[in-house]
Amino acid sequence: MTEKLGRWGRRIVRARGCRSVPKWRWDVTTQLRIYTVRPGRLDAWVAAWRTLVVPLRQRFGFEISGSWVDVERQQHIWLVSHPGPQSFEEANVDYWRSPERIAMGLDPHDYLLSEEIRTVDPVL
């Protein structure tokens, strides 16, 4: 087993020959989000996203099943799903309109140049 710290201090533990594979549910809406971040803001964006966005998304029933950065392209890529009982769209509206999200004071446009959001379906 190997252990090291990732770029943002997150502990990474891997057993030799093992790979973690999420168990996808076929009835859940999942979005692949690709954010292109303003030059020089990638670390600040990821820190704010991890400490502010992720916990609130989770309180609203969203699941974050992966998050990566492409440093060369200044991109943050992540997978988010919502298992219900609300639809993804309804839960997303509730999230954005919530007093907690408004009070957060985090405007994505301060960090992001563009967003690409794709709804994806599992095949494996």
Protein backbone atom coordinates (compact mmCIF):
# COMPACT_ATOMS: atom_id res chain seq x y z
CA MET A 1 0.00 0.00 0.00
CA THR A 2 1.28 3.49 -0.83
CA GLU A 3 0.26 6.77 0.76
CA LYS A 4 1.00 10.35 -0.23
CA LEU A 5 -0.55 13.80 -0.13
CA GLY A 6 -2.22 15.12 -3.24
CA ARG A 7 -1.96 18.65 -4.57
CA TRP A 8 -4.44 20.16 -2.10
CA GLY A 9 -3.36 18.16 0.94
CA ARG A 10 -5.83 15.35 0.38
CA ARG A 11 -4.51 11.98 1.52
CA ILE A 12 -4.20 9.43 -1.25
CA VAL A 13 -3.97 5.76 -0.27
CA ARG A 14 -3.70 3.04 -2.87
CA ALA A 15 -3.32 -0.68 -2.43
CA ARG A 16 -1.16 -2.30 -5.08
CA GLY A 17 -3.20 -3.69 -7.92
CA CYS A 18 -6.45 -2.21 -6.57
CA ARG A 19 -8.57 0.39 -8.24
CA SER A 20 -11.66 1.97 -6.80
CA VAL A 21 -14.59 1.72 -9.21
CA PRO A 22 -17.85 3.45 -8.27
CA LYS A 23 -21.04 1.42 -8.44
CA TRP A 24 -23.29 3.41 -10.75
CA ARG A 25 -27.04 3.49 -10.34
CA TRP A 26 -28.95 3.50 -13.59
CA ASP A 27 -31.85 5.63 -12.29
CA VAL A 28 -29.79 8.63 -11.14
CA THR A 29 -29.02 11.76 -13.15
CA THR A 30 -25.27 12.41 -13.30
CA GLN A 31 -23.59 15.47 -14.71
CA LEU A 32 -20.02 15.76 -15.90
CA ARG A 33 -18.94 19.34 -15.32
CA ILE A 34 -15.87 20.85 -16.94
CA TYR A 35 -14.95 24.29 -15.70
CA THR A 36 -12.23 26.33 -17.37
CA VAL A 37 -10.74 28.49 -14.63
CA ARG A 38 -9.25 31.96 -14.99
CA PRO A 39 -5.43 31.95 -15.19
CA GLY A 40 -3.83 31.84 -11.75
CA ARG A 41 -7.12 31.01 -9.97
CA LEU A 42 -7.21 27.20 -10.16
CA ASP A 43 -5.88 26.55 -6.64
CA ALA A 44 -8.16 29.22 -5.11
CA TRP A 45 -11.19 27.87 -7.00
CA VAL A 46 -10.58 24.27 -5.93
CA ALA A 47 -10.06 25.33 -2.30
CA ALA A 48 -13.32 27.34 -2.29
CA TRP A 49 -15.20 24.56 -4.11
CA ARG A 50 -13.99 21.90 -1.64
CA THR A 51 -14.71 23.90 1.52
CA LEU A 52 -17.90 25.73 0.50
CA VAL A 53 -19.63 24.11 -2.47
CA VAL A 54 -19.13 20.40 -1.75
CA PRO A 55 -20.51 20.39 1.84
CA LEU A 56 -23.57 22.40 0.83
CA ARG A 57 -24.22 20.26 -2.25
CA GLN A 58 -24.06 17.20 0.00
CA ARG A 59 -26.54 18.74 2.46
CA PHE A 60 -28.93 19.13 -0.49
CA GLY A 61 -28.60 15.42 -1.32
CA PHE A 62 -26.06 15.66 -4.15
CA GLU A 63 -23.28 13.12 -4.45
CA ILE A 64 -19.85 14.09 -5.76
CA SER A 65 -18.32 10.93 -7.21
CA GLY A 66 -15.09 12.41 -8.53
CA SER A 67 -13.14 15.61 -9.01
CA TRP A 68 -9.98 16.25 -11.01
CA VAL A 69 -7.88 19.12 -12.29
CA ASP A 70 -6.21 19.44 -15.66
CA VAL A 71 -3.49 21.92 -14.77
CA GLU A 72 -2.29 22.28 -18.36
CA ARG A 73 -5.74 23.41 -19.52
CA GLN A 74 -6.62 25.20 -16.24
CA GLN A 75 -9.73 23.03 -15.87
CA HIS A 76 -11.65 21.56 -12.96
CA ILE A 77 -13.63 18.46 -13.89
CA TRP A 78 -16.14 16.80 -11.58
CA LEU A 79 -19.06 14.38 -11.48
CA VAL A 80 -22.20 15.28 -9.53
CA SER A 81 -25.41 13.31 -9.19
CA HIS A 82 -28.66 13.52 -7.30
CA PRO A 83 -30.40 10.26 -6.37
CA GLY A 84 -33.80 11.81 -5.54
CA PRO A 85 -36.58 11.85 -4.55
CA GLN A 86 -36.44 15.23 -6.34
CA SER A 87 -35.17 15.44 -9.88
CA PHE A 88 -31.66 16.76 -10.40
CA GLU A 89 -33.08 19.96 -11.86
CA GLU A 90 -35.44 20.58 -8.91
CA ALA A 91 -32.70 19.95 -6.36
CA ASN A 92 -30.33 22.22 -8.28
CA VAL A 93 -32.86 25.08 -8.24
CA ASP A 94 -33.35 24.59 -4.49
CA TYR A 95 -29.58 24.60 -3.97
CA TRP A 96 -29.02 27.85 -5.88
CA ARG A 97 -32.01 29.61 -4.25
CA SER A 98 -31.15 28.49 -0.72
CA PRO A 99 -30.24 31.14 1.88
CA GLU A 100 -27.03 29.15 2.57
CA ARG A 101 -25.89 29.34 -1.07
CA ILE A 102 -26.74 33.02 -1.30
CA ALA A 103 -24.93 33.75 1.98
CA MET A 104 -21.88 31.82 0.75
CA GLY A 105 -20.90 34.83 -1.34
CA LEU A 106 -19.03 32.67 -3.84
CA ASP A 107 -19.64 33.87 -7.39
CA PRO A 108 -18.36 31.28 -9.87
CA HIS A 109 -17.85 34.00 -12.49
CA ASP A 110 -15.05 35.43 -10.32
CA TYR A 111 -13.14 32.21 -10.97
CA LEU A 112 -14.50 30.57 -14.11
CA LEU A 113 -14.11 31.49 -17.76
CA SER A 114 -16.52 28.82 -18.97
CA GLU A 115 -18.62 25.86 -17.89
CA GLU A 116 -19.42 22.76 -19.91
CA ILE A 117 -22.15 20.63 -18.34
CA ARG A 118 -23.06 17.25 -19.80
CA THR A 119 -25.67 14.82 -18.53
CA VAL A 120 -24.11 11.38 -18.83
CA ASP A 121 -25.39 7.82 -18.56
CA PRO A 122 -23.40 4.81 -17.30
CA VAL A 123 -22.48 2.03 -19.70
CA LEU A 124 -20.47 -0.16 -17.33
